[in-house]
Amino acid sequence: MSHKVSIVIEKDEHGYYAYCPDLEGCQTQGDTVEDVMGNIKEAIELYMETLSEDEVKEVTSKEILTTTLEVQVA
């Protein structure tokens, strides 16, 4: 069964870092966006295998939306 979960990807001077806010400690890194996407998918699947059906429903019932916002700084 497939589920949707929210992830956050950040880029820094070392590459990409991804984490799933709903799964404490579920995080990974990669050199490219493709690498980090594959790594976080695998990490989430392994993490969710340790959860009960009720816990899976709880963590997949949320939706986190992110975007960027331009602001002016004086």
C-alpha atoms as a PDB file:
ATOM      1  CA  MET A   1       0.000   0.000   0.000  1.00  0.00           C
ATOM      2  CA  SER A   2       1.359   3.429  -0.823  1.00  0.00           C
ATOM      3  CA  HIS A   3       1.115   6.534   1.338  1.00  0.00           C
ATOM      4  CA  LYS A   4       2.089  10.167   0.883  1.00  0.00           C
ATOM      5  CA  VAL A   5       4.377  11.836   3.399  1.00  0.00           C
ATOM      6  CA  SER A   6       5.874  15.297   3.462  1.00  0.00           C
ATOM      7  CA  ILE A   7       9.618  15.753   3.167  1.00  0.00           C
ATOM      8  CA  VAL A   8      11.910  18.760   3.345  1.00  0.00           C
ATOM      9  CA  ILE A   9      15.046  19.057   1.206  1.00  0.00           C
ATOM     10  CA  GLU A  10      17.728  21.619   1.949  1.00  0.00           C
ATOM     11  CA  LYS A  11      20.843  22.404  -0.085  1.00  0.00           C
ATOM     12  CA  ASP A  12      24.142  23.520   1.405  1.00  0.00           C
ATOM     13  CA  GLU A  13      27.801  23.515   0.422  1.00  0.00           C
ATOM     14  CA  HIS A  14      28.046  19.748   1.060  1.00  0.00           C
ATOM     15  CA  GLY A  15      25.068  18.650  -1.063  1.00  0.00           C
ATOM     16  CA  TYR A  16      21.472  17.954  -0.158  1.00  0.00           C
ATOM     17  CA  TYR A  17      19.878  17.035   3.166  1.00  0.00           C
ATOM     18  CA  ALA A  18      16.351  15.608   3.447  1.00  0.00           C
ATOM     19  CA  TYR A  19      14.103  14.769   6.350  1.00  0.00           C
ATOM     20  CA  CYS A  20      10.506  13.806   7.054  1.00  0.00           C
ATOM     21  CA  PRO A  21       9.056  16.120   9.735  1.00  0.00           C
ATOM     22  CA  ASP A  22       6.435  13.537  10.767  1.00  0.00           C
ATOM     23  CA  LEU A  23       8.990  10.770  11.373  1.00  0.00           C
ATOM     24  CA  GLU A  24      11.378  11.809  14.124  1.00  0.00           C
ATOM     25  CA  GLY A  25      14.965  11.062  13.187  1.00  0.00           C
ATOM     26  CA  CYS A  26      14.157  10.041   9.613  1.00  0.00           C
ATOM     27  CA  GLN A  27      16.766  11.917   7.616  1.00  0.00           C
ATOM     28  CA  THR A  28      19.446  11.425   4.981  1.00  0.00           C
ATOM     29  CA  GLN A  29      21.746  13.208   2.589  1.00  0.00           C
ATOM     30  CA  GLY A  30      22.929  12.988  -1.003  1.00  0.00           C
ATOM     31  CA  ASP A  31      25.150  14.668  -3.568  1.00  0.00           C
ATOM     32  CA  THR A  32      22.263  15.441  -5.944  1.00  0.00           C
ATOM     33  CA  VAL A  33      18.504  15.947  -5.655  1.00  0.00           C
ATOM     34  CA  GLU A  34      18.016  12.539  -7.284  1.00  0.00           C
ATOM     35  CA  ASP A  35      20.346  10.900  -4.750  1.00  0.00           C
ATOM     36  CA  VAL A  36      18.659  12.476  -1.745  1.00  0.00           C
ATOM     37  CA  MET A  37      15.168  11.677  -3.081  1.00  0.00           C
ATOM     38  CA  GLY A  38      16.078   8.003  -3.458  1.00  0.00           C
ATOM     39  CA  ASN A  39      17.745   7.943  -0.059  1.00  0.00           C
ATOM     40  CA  ILE A  40      14.830   9.570   1.788  1.00  0.00           C
ATOM     41  CA  LYS A  41      12.327   7.274   0.067  1.00  0.00           C
ATOM     42  CA  GLU A  42      14.285   4.251   1.272  1.00  0.00           C
ATOM     43  CA  ALA A  43      14.662   5.719   4.777  1.00  0.00           C
ATOM     44  CA  ILE A  44      10.922   6.424   5.030  1.00  0.00           C
ATOM     45  CA  GLU A  45       9.971   2.953   3.802  1.00  0.00           C
ATOM     46  CA  LEU A  46      12.287   1.309   6.337  1.00  0.00           C
ATOM     47  CA  TYR A  47      11.051   3.589   9.140  1.00  0.00           C
ATOM     48  CA  MET A  48       7.391   2.930   8.359  1.00  0.00           C
ATOM     49  CA  GLU A  49       7.963  -0.837   8.401  1.00  0.00           C
ATOM     50  CA  THR A  50       8.557  -0.473  12.154  1.00  0.00           C
ATOM     51  CA  LEU A  51       5.194   1.264  12.757  1.00  0.00           C
ATOM     52  CA  SER A  52       1.802  -0.252  13.513  1.00  0.00           C
ATOM     53  CA  GLU A  53      -1.096   0.324  11.086  1.00  0.00           C
ATOM     54  CA  ASP A  54      -2.530   2.972  13.425  1.00  0.00           C
ATOM     55  CA  GLU A  55       0.803   4.783  13.611  1.00  0.00           C
ATOM     56  CA  VAL A  56       1.098   4.735   9.809  1.00  0.00           C
ATOM     57  CA  LYS A  57      -2.395   6.251   9.514  1.00  0.00           C
ATOM     58  CA  GLU A  58      -1.474   8.941  12.029  1.00  0.00           C
ATOM     59  CA  VAL A  59       1.724  10.057  10.288  1.00  0.00           C
ATOM     60  CA  THR A  60       0.229   9.941   6.794  1.00  0.00           C
ATOM     61  CA  SER A  61      -2.922  11.871   7.680  1.00  0.00           C
ATOM     62  CA  LYS A  62      -1.040  15.189   7.806  1.00  0.00           C
ATOM     63  CA  GLU A  63      -0.075  17.365   4.886  1.00  0.00           C
ATOM     64  CA  ILE A  64       2.705  19.944   5.117  1.00  0.00           C
ATOM     65  CA  LEU A  65       2.889  22.568   2.398  1.00  0.00           C
ATOM     66  CA  THR A  66       6.022  24.586   1.821  1.00  0.00           C
ATOM     67  CA  THR A  67       6.824  27.425  -0.515  1.00  0.00           C
ATOM     68  CA  THR A  68       9.156  30.387  -0.772  1.00  0.00           C
ATOM     69  CA  LEU A  69       8.307  33.954   0.049  1.00  0.00           C
ATOM     70  CA  GLU A  70      10.228  37.037  -1.004  1.00  0.00           C
ATOM     71  CA  VAL A  71      10.635  39.639   1.723  1.00  0.00           C
ATOM     72  CA  GLN A  72      12.392  42.962   1.881  1.00  0.00           C
ATOM     73  CA  VAL A  73      14.946  43.644   4.579  1.00  0.00           C
ATOM     74  CA  ALA A  74      15.746  47.262   5.344  1.00  0.00           C
END
